[in-house]
Amino acid sequence: MSLEQEIKRLQGIPAIKEARSLLSSQLPANLLYHAYGHTEDVIGEVISLALADHLDPRQIEILAIAAAWHDVGFIWSYTNNEPLAADAAKKYLVSIGGYTESEIELIAQMIRDTALVVDEPSYKQIPSHPLSRYLLDADLANFGRADFFEKSELQRRELNDETESFRLKTLALVKNHRWLTPAALTRWQDTKEANVRELERIIG
């Protein structure tokens, strides 16, 4: 099955359809970076990474569900939204059945893992389970892609941050970041390093 076919198949399962419906209809309009398109991007990237590293179909489904729900908490709060998203996912998954208690808790924990935690001099995401590494890499995939500066500008505008200050914080964040999966390291490290060099050049 191709990547496109797998994405389309998983988009059709109830757990992912529900999250996409909530995000497309209820996310605040002022979210420029954490908009609906970001979640669609993360779903596609996490499936791509998982396929590249030959994860099994159930693991890929669990990851795709976590990706679909990881930003649902933004509907209710900009800060500390990860626990809200995790709780919403758990409630829905329990209601529809078909997932074990341990699978549901894993999905919730992966969502909570997407929070940025202090790691001086910057922040980072910390995986609590091997599968979390795939969600975290997918969530920050733009660090290693050509659209890095475009996405960064959307985030700056979303935060209403001053340009120079935001660039310095972004540089610290990206330099502190490490890919957590083999597929992400192979796919994105070279471009991430180029993005860091270009950001350093812009900052001067």
C-alpha atoms as a PDB file:
ATOM      1  CA  MET A   1       0.000   0.000   0.000  1.00  0.00           C
ATOM      2  CA  SER A   2       1.365   3.422  -0.941  1.00  0.00           C
ATOM      3  CA  LEU A   3       1.703   6.300   1.505  1.00  0.00           C
ATOM      4  CA  GLU A   4      -1.213   8.120  -0.112  1.00  0.00           C
ATOM      5  CA  GLN A   5      -3.420   5.040   0.131  1.00  0.00           C
ATOM      6  CA  GLU A   6      -2.507   4.498   3.778  1.00  0.00           C
ATOM      7  CA  ILE A   7      -3.215   8.132   4.665  1.00  0.00           C
ATOM      8  CA  LYS A   8      -6.576   7.978   2.908  1.00  0.00           C
ATOM      9  CA  ARG A   9      -7.464   4.691   4.629  1.00  0.00           C
ATOM     10  CA  LEU A  10      -6.635   5.986   8.080  1.00  0.00           C
ATOM     11  CA  GLN A  11      -8.407   9.295   7.504  1.00  0.00           C
ATOM     12  CA  GLY A  12     -11.551   7.246   7.082  1.00  0.00           C
ATOM     13  CA  ILE A  13     -11.535   5.555  10.485  1.00  0.00           C
ATOM     14  CA  PRO A  14     -13.958   7.029  13.057  1.00  0.00           C
ATOM     15  CA  ALA A  15     -11.322   8.110  15.586  1.00  0.00           C
ATOM     16  CA  ILE A  16      -9.537  10.231  13.001  1.00  0.00           C
ATOM     17  CA  LYS A  17     -12.667  11.483  11.264  1.00  0.00           C
ATOM     18  CA  GLU A  18     -13.967  12.800  14.607  1.00  0.00           C
ATOM     19  CA  ALA A  19     -10.769  14.707  15.411  1.00  0.00           C
ATOM     20  CA  ARG A  20     -10.590  16.205  11.926  1.00  0.00           C
ATOM     21  CA  SER A  21     -14.234  17.280  12.184  1.00  0.00           C
ATOM     22  CA  LEU A  22     -13.631  18.999  15.528  1.00  0.00           C
ATOM     23  CA  LEU A  23     -10.525  20.773  14.277  1.00  0.00           C
ATOM     24  CA  SER A  24     -12.023  21.918  10.998  1.00  0.00           C
ATOM     25  CA  SER A  25     -15.089  23.392  12.682  1.00  0.00           C
ATOM     26  CA  GLN A  26     -13.987  24.566  16.138  1.00  0.00           C
ATOM     27  CA  LEU A  27     -10.351  25.734  16.091  1.00  0.00           C
ATOM     28  CA  PRO A  28     -10.041  29.489  16.776  1.00  0.00           C
ATOM     29  CA  ALA A  29      -9.527  31.494  13.596  1.00  0.00           C
ATOM     30  CA  ASN A  30      -6.470  33.296  15.022  1.00  0.00           C
ATOM     31  CA  LEU A  31      -4.409  30.093  14.965  1.00  0.00           C
ATOM     32  CA  LEU A  32      -2.157  30.593  11.968  1.00  0.00           C
ATOM     33  CA  TYR A  33       0.416  27.873  12.673  1.00  0.00           C
ATOM     34  CA  HIS A  34      -1.635  25.479  14.796  1.00  0.00           C
ATOM     35  CA  ALA A  35      -4.397  25.547  12.207  1.00  0.00           C
ATOM     36  CA  TYR A  36      -6.221  22.551  10.737  1.00  0.00           C
ATOM     37  CA  GLY A  37      -3.527  22.157   8.089  1.00  0.00           C
ATOM     38  CA  HIS A  38      -0.865  21.539  10.733  1.00  0.00           C
ATOM     39  CA  THR A  39      -2.691  18.471  12.018  1.00  0.00           C
ATOM     40  CA  GLU A  40      -3.196  17.178   8.479  1.00  0.00           C
ATOM     41  CA  ASP A  41       0.535  17.656   7.953  1.00  0.00           C
ATOM     42  CA  VAL A  42       1.447  15.789  11.155  1.00  0.00           C
ATOM     43  CA  ILE A  43      -0.873  12.892  10.294  1.00  0.00           C
ATOM     44  CA  GLY A  44       0.798  12.481   6.920  1.00  0.00           C
ATOM     45  CA  GLU A  45       4.317  12.803   8.296  1.00  0.00           C
ATOM     46  CA  VAL A  46       3.814  10.352  11.154  1.00  0.00           C
ATOM     47  CA  ILE A  47       2.405   7.732   8.780  1.00  0.00           C
ATOM     48  CA  SER A  48       5.300   8.325   6.394  1.00  0.00           C
ATOM     49  CA  LEU A  49       7.913   7.948   9.148  1.00  0.00           C
ATOM     50  CA  ALA A  50       6.234   4.836  10.547  1.00  0.00           C
ATOM     51  CA  LEU A  51       6.081   3.172   7.145  1.00  0.00           C
ATOM     52  CA  ALA A  52       9.715   4.034   6.452  1.00  0.00           C
ATOM     53  CA  ASP A  53      10.778   2.380   9.712  1.00  0.00           C
ATOM     54  CA  HIS A  54       8.510  -0.640   9.098  1.00  0.00           C
ATOM     55  CA  LEU A  55       6.189  -0.298  12.079  1.00  0.00           C
ATOM     56  CA  ASP A  56       3.261  -2.681  12.167  1.00  0.00           C
ATOM     57  CA  PRO A  57      -0.240  -1.613  11.007  1.00  0.00           C
ATOM     58  CA  ARG A  58      -1.687  -1.345  14.522  1.00  0.00           C
ATOM     59  CA  GLN A  59       1.180   0.866  15.663  1.00  0.00           C
ATOM     60  CA  ILE A  60       0.673   3.084  12.627  1.00  0.00           C
ATOM     61  CA  GLU A  61      -3.038   3.386  13.378  1.00  0.00           C
ATOM     62  CA  ILE A  62      -2.331   4.303  17.018  1.00  0.00           C
ATOM     63  CA  LEU A  63       0.164   6.930  15.898  1.00  0.00           C
ATOM     64  CA  ALA A  64      -2.222   8.384  13.335  1.00  0.00           C
ATOM     65  CA  ILE A  65      -4.955   8.705  15.961  1.00  0.00           C
ATOM     66  CA  ALA A  66      -2.590  10.472  18.346  1.00  0.00           C
ATOM     67  CA  ALA A  67      -1.519  12.807  15.548  1.00  0.00           C
ATOM     68  CA  ALA A  68      -5.132  13.582  14.682  1.00  0.00           C
ATOM     69  CA  TRP A  69      -6.009  14.504  18.276  1.00  0.00           C
ATOM     70  CA  HIS A  70      -2.761  16.124  19.434  1.00  0.00           C
ATOM     71  CA  ASP A  71      -3.901  19.734  18.885  1.00  0.00           C
ATOM     72  CA  VAL A  72      -7.603  19.361  19.678  1.00  0.00           C
ATOM     73  CA  GLY A  73      -6.953  21.055  23.034  1.00  0.00           C
ATOM     74  CA  PHE A  74      -6.362  24.347  21.210  1.00  0.00           C
ATOM     75  CA  ILE A  75     -10.137  24.493  20.800  1.00  0.00           C
ATOM     76  CA  TRP A  76     -10.369  25.327  24.512  1.00  0.00           C
ATOM     77  CA  SER A  77      -6.980  26.742  25.525  1.00  0.00           C
ATOM     78  CA  TYR A  78      -3.792  27.990  23.894  1.00  0.00           C
ATOM     79  CA  THR A  79      -1.658  27.103  26.906  1.00  0.00           C
ATOM     80  CA  ASN A  80      -1.536  23.677  28.560  1.00  0.00           C
ATOM     81  CA  ASN A  81      -3.695  22.336  25.757  1.00  0.00           C
ATOM     82  CA  GLU A  82      -2.042  18.909  25.580  1.00  0.00           C
ATOM     83  CA  PRO A  83      -3.815  17.419  28.643  1.00  0.00           C
ATOM     84  CA  LEU A  84      -7.127  18.714  27.296  1.00  0.00           C
ATOM     85  CA  ALA A  85      -6.499  17.016  23.953  1.00  0.00           C
ATOM     86  CA  ALA A  86      -5.440  13.793  25.677  1.00  0.00           C
ATOM     87  CA  ASP A  87      -8.591  13.739  27.811  1.00  0.00           C
ATOM     88  CA  ALA A  88     -10.833  14.436  24.814  1.00  0.00           C
ATOM     89  CA  ALA A  89      -9.200  11.630  22.842  1.00  0.00           C
ATOM     90  CA  LYS A  90      -9.564   9.182  25.728  1.00  0.00           C
ATOM     91  CA  LYS A  91     -13.228  10.034  26.216  1.00  0.00           C
ATOM     92  CA  TYR A  92     -14.012   9.562  22.540  1.00  0.00           C
ATOM     93  CA  LEU A  93     -12.034   6.343  22.142  1.00  0.00           C
ATOM     94  CA  VAL A  94     -13.694   4.800  25.184  1.00  0.00           C
ATOM     95  CA  SER A  95     -17.091   5.752  23.780  1.00  0.00           C
ATOM     96  CA  ILE A  96     -16.599   4.050  20.407  1.00  0.00           C
ATOM     97  CA  GLY A  97     -14.807   0.919  21.581  1.00  0.00           C
ATOM     98  CA  GLY A  98     -12.360  -1.101  19.546  1.00  0.00           C
ATOM     99  CA  TYR A  99      -9.248  -0.003  21.442  1.00  0.00           C
ATOM    100  CA  THR A 100      -7.783  -1.537  24.571  1.00  0.00           C
ATOM    101  CA  GLU A 101      -7.310   0.424  27.759  1.00  0.00           C
ATOM    102  CA  SER A 102      -3.536   0.340  27.259  1.00  0.00           C
ATOM    103  CA  GLU A 103      -3.831   1.576  23.661  1.00  0.00           C
ATOM    104  CA  ILE A 104      -6.051   4.459  24.739  1.00  0.00           C
ATOM    105  CA  GLU A 105      -3.675   5.441  27.521  1.00  0.00           C
ATOM    106  CA  LEU A 106      -0.734   5.252  25.108  1.00  0.00           C
ATOM    107  CA  ILE A 107      -2.503   7.590  22.673  1.00  0.00           C
ATOM    108  CA  ALA A 108      -3.230  10.024  25.512  1.00  0.00           C
ATOM    109  CA  GLN A 109       0.356   9.888  26.754  1.00  0.00           C
ATOM    110  CA  MET A 110       1.773  10.494  23.286  1.00  0.00           C
ATOM    111  CA  ILE A 111      -0.434  13.579  22.992  1.00  0.00           C
ATOM    112  CA  ARG A 112       0.813  14.829  26.369  1.00  0.00           C
ATOM    113  CA  ASP A 113       4.385  14.221  25.181  1.00  0.00           C
ATOM    114  CA  THR A 114       3.988  16.874  22.464  1.00  0.00           C
ATOM    115  CA  ALA A 115       4.235  19.590  25.126  1.00  0.00           C
ATOM    116  CA  LEU A 116       7.450  21.605  25.120  1.00  0.00           C
ATOM    117  CA  VAL A 117       9.269  21.336  28.445  1.00  0.00           C
ATOM    118  CA  VAL A 118      12.137  23.461  29.729  1.00  0.00           C
ATOM    119  CA  ASP A 119      15.569  22.196  28.706  1.00  0.00           C
ATOM    120  CA  GLU A 120      17.977  25.080  29.248  1.00  0.00           C
ATOM    121  CA  PRO A 121      18.778  27.144  27.320  1.00  0.00           C
ATOM    122  CA  SER A 122      15.599  26.310  25.416  1.00  0.00           C
ATOM    123  CA  TYR A 123      12.797  23.731  25.313  1.00  0.00           C
ATOM    124  CA  LYS A 124      12.276  20.247  23.977  1.00  0.00           C
ATOM    125  CA  GLN A 125       9.707  17.472  23.733  1.00  0.00           C
ATOM    126  CA  ILE A 126      10.390  14.324  25.756  1.00  0.00           C
ATOM    127  CA  PRO A 127       9.039  10.954  24.564  1.00  0.00           C
ATOM    128  CA  SER A 128       7.785   8.627  27.282  1.00  0.00           C
ATOM    129  CA  HIS A 129       7.295   5.662  24.920  1.00  0.00           C
ATOM    130  CA  PRO A 130       9.148   4.490  21.791  1.00  0.00           C
ATOM    131  CA  LEU A 131       6.126   5.280  19.599  1.00  0.00           C
ATOM    132  CA  SER A 132       6.053   8.843  20.912  1.00  0.00           C
ATOM    133  CA  ARG A 133       9.294   9.488  19.068  1.00  0.00           C
ATOM    134  CA  TYR A 134       7.433   9.254  15.762  1.00  0.00           C
ATOM    135  CA  LEU A 135       4.727  11.708  16.781  1.00  0.00           C
ATOM    136  CA  LEU A 136       7.264  14.194  18.122  1.00  0.00           C
ATOM    137  CA  ASP A 137       9.379  14.032  14.977  1.00  0.00           C
ATOM    138  CA  ALA A 138       6.294  14.495  12.813  1.00  0.00           C
ATOM    139  CA  ASP A 139       5.101  17.428  14.948  1.00  0.00           C
ATOM    140  CA  LEU A 140       8.374  19.309  14.363  1.00  0.00           C
ATOM    141  CA  ALA A 141       9.013  18.056  10.832  1.00  0.00           C
ATOM    142  CA  ASN A 142       9.196  21.587   9.440  1.00  0.00           C
ATOM    143  CA  PHE A 143      12.531  22.062  11.259  1.00  0.00           C
ATOM    144  CA  GLY A 144      14.027  19.874   8.543  1.00  0.00           C
ATOM    145  CA  ARG A 145      11.996  20.964   5.537  1.00  0.00           C
ATOM    146  CA  ALA A 146      12.150  23.718   2.965  1.00  0.00           C
ATOM    147  CA  ASP A 147       9.025  25.361   4.447  1.00  0.00           C
ATOM    148  CA  PHE A 148      10.776  26.016   7.785  1.00  0.00           C
ATOM    149  CA  PHE A 149      10.847  29.799   7.420  1.00  0.00           C
ATOM    150  CA  GLU A 150       7.283  29.974   6.127  1.00  0.00           C
ATOM    151  CA  LYS A 151       6.018  27.939   9.099  1.00  0.00           C
ATOM    152  CA  SER A 152       8.146  29.941  11.541  1.00  0.00           C
ATOM    153  CA  GLU A 153       6.606  33.180  10.318  1.00  0.00           C
ATOM    154  CA  LEU A 154       3.119  31.765  10.819  1.00  0.00           C
ATOM    155  CA  GLN A 155       4.036  30.838  14.383  1.00  0.00           C
ATOM    156  CA  ARG A 156       5.531  34.272  15.043  1.00  0.00           C
ATOM    157  CA  ARG A 157       2.345  35.945  13.838  1.00  0.00           C
ATOM    158  CA  GLU A 158       0.229  33.522  15.857  1.00  0.00           C
ATOM    159  CA  LEU A 159       2.188  34.469  18.990  1.00  0.00           C
ATOM    160  CA  ASN A 160       2.258  38.156  18.012  1.00  0.00           C
ATOM    161  CA  ASP A 161       5.947  38.100  18.858  1.00  0.00           C
ATOM    162  CA  GLU A 162       8.604  40.636  17.892  1.00  0.00           C
ATOM    163  CA  THR A 163      10.638  39.382  14.928  1.00  0.00           C
ATOM    164  CA  GLU A 164      14.188  39.530  16.316  1.00  0.00           C
ATOM    165  CA  SER A 165      13.252  38.022  19.672  1.00  0.00           C
ATOM    166  CA  PHE A 166      11.293  35.244  17.989  1.00  0.00           C
ATOM    167  CA  ARG A 167      14.177  34.395  15.658  1.00  0.00           C
ATOM    168  CA  LEU A 168      16.577  34.084  18.590  1.00  0.00           C
ATOM    169  CA  LYS A 169      14.192  31.797  20.471  1.00  0.00           C
ATOM    170  CA  THR A 170      13.594  29.739  17.350  1.00  0.00           C
ATOM    171  CA  LEU A 171      17.326  29.348  16.766  1.00  0.00           C
ATOM    172  CA  ALA A 172      17.837  28.121  20.323  1.00  0.00           C
ATOM    173  CA  LEU A 173      14.939  25.684  19.957  1.00  0.00           C
ATOM    174  CA  VAL A 174      16.100  24.200  16.656  1.00  0.00           C
ATOM    175  CA  LYS A 175      19.738  23.935  17.744  1.00  0.00           C
ATOM    176  CA  ASN A 176      18.612  22.128  20.916  1.00  0.00           C
ATOM    177  CA  HIS A 177      16.419  19.749  18.910  1.00  0.00           C
ATOM    178  CA  ARG A 178      17.362  16.179  17.985  1.00  0.00           C
ATOM    179  CA  TRP A 179      15.494  13.775  15.718  1.00  0.00           C
ATOM    180  CA  LEU A 180      14.253  10.725  17.609  1.00  0.00           C
ATOM    181  CA  THR A 181      13.634   8.202  14.817  1.00  0.00           C
ATOM    182  CA  PRO A 182      15.872   6.736  12.114  1.00  0.00           C
ATOM    183  CA  ALA A 183      13.562   7.851   9.317  1.00  0.00           C
ATOM    184  CA  ALA A 184      13.450  11.467  10.472  1.00  0.00           C
ATOM    185  CA  LEU A 185      17.215  11.662  10.939  1.00  0.00           C
ATOM    186  CA  THR A 186      17.801  10.347   7.428  1.00  0.00           C
ATOM    187  CA  ARG A 187      15.125  12.489   5.839  1.00  0.00           C
ATOM    188  CA  TRP A 188      15.463  15.856   7.551  1.00  0.00           C
ATOM    189  CA  GLN A 189      18.822  16.338   9.286  1.00  0.00           C
ATOM    190  CA  ASP A 190      20.684  17.865   6.339  1.00  0.00           C
ATOM    191  CA  THR A 191      17.942  20.395   5.630  1.00  0.00           C
ATOM    192  CA  LYS A 192      17.617  21.206   9.329  1.00  0.00           C
ATOM    193  CA  GLU A 193      21.321  22.027   9.470  1.00  0.00           C
ATOM    194  CA  ALA A 194      20.935  24.237   6.393  1.00  0.00           C
ATOM    195  CA  ASN A 195      17.963  25.988   8.015  1.00  0.00           C
ATOM    196  CA  VAL A 196      20.023  26.651  11.147  1.00  0.00           C
ATOM    197  CA  ARG A 197      22.849  28.133   9.083  1.00  0.00           C
ATOM    198  CA  GLU A 198      20.427  30.372   7.173  1.00  0.00           C
ATOM    199  CA  LEU A 199      18.731  31.515  10.393  1.00  0.00           C
ATOM    200  CA  GLU A 200      22.133  32.328  11.905  1.00  0.00           C
ATOM    201  CA  ARG A 201      22.972  34.322   8.772  1.00  0.00           C
ATOM    202  CA  ILE A 202      19.700  36.280   8.993  1.00  0.00           C
ATOM    203  CA  ILE A 203      20.205  37.042  12.675  1.00  0.00           C
ATOM    204  CA  GLY A 204      23.800  38.045  11.978  1.00  0.00           C
END
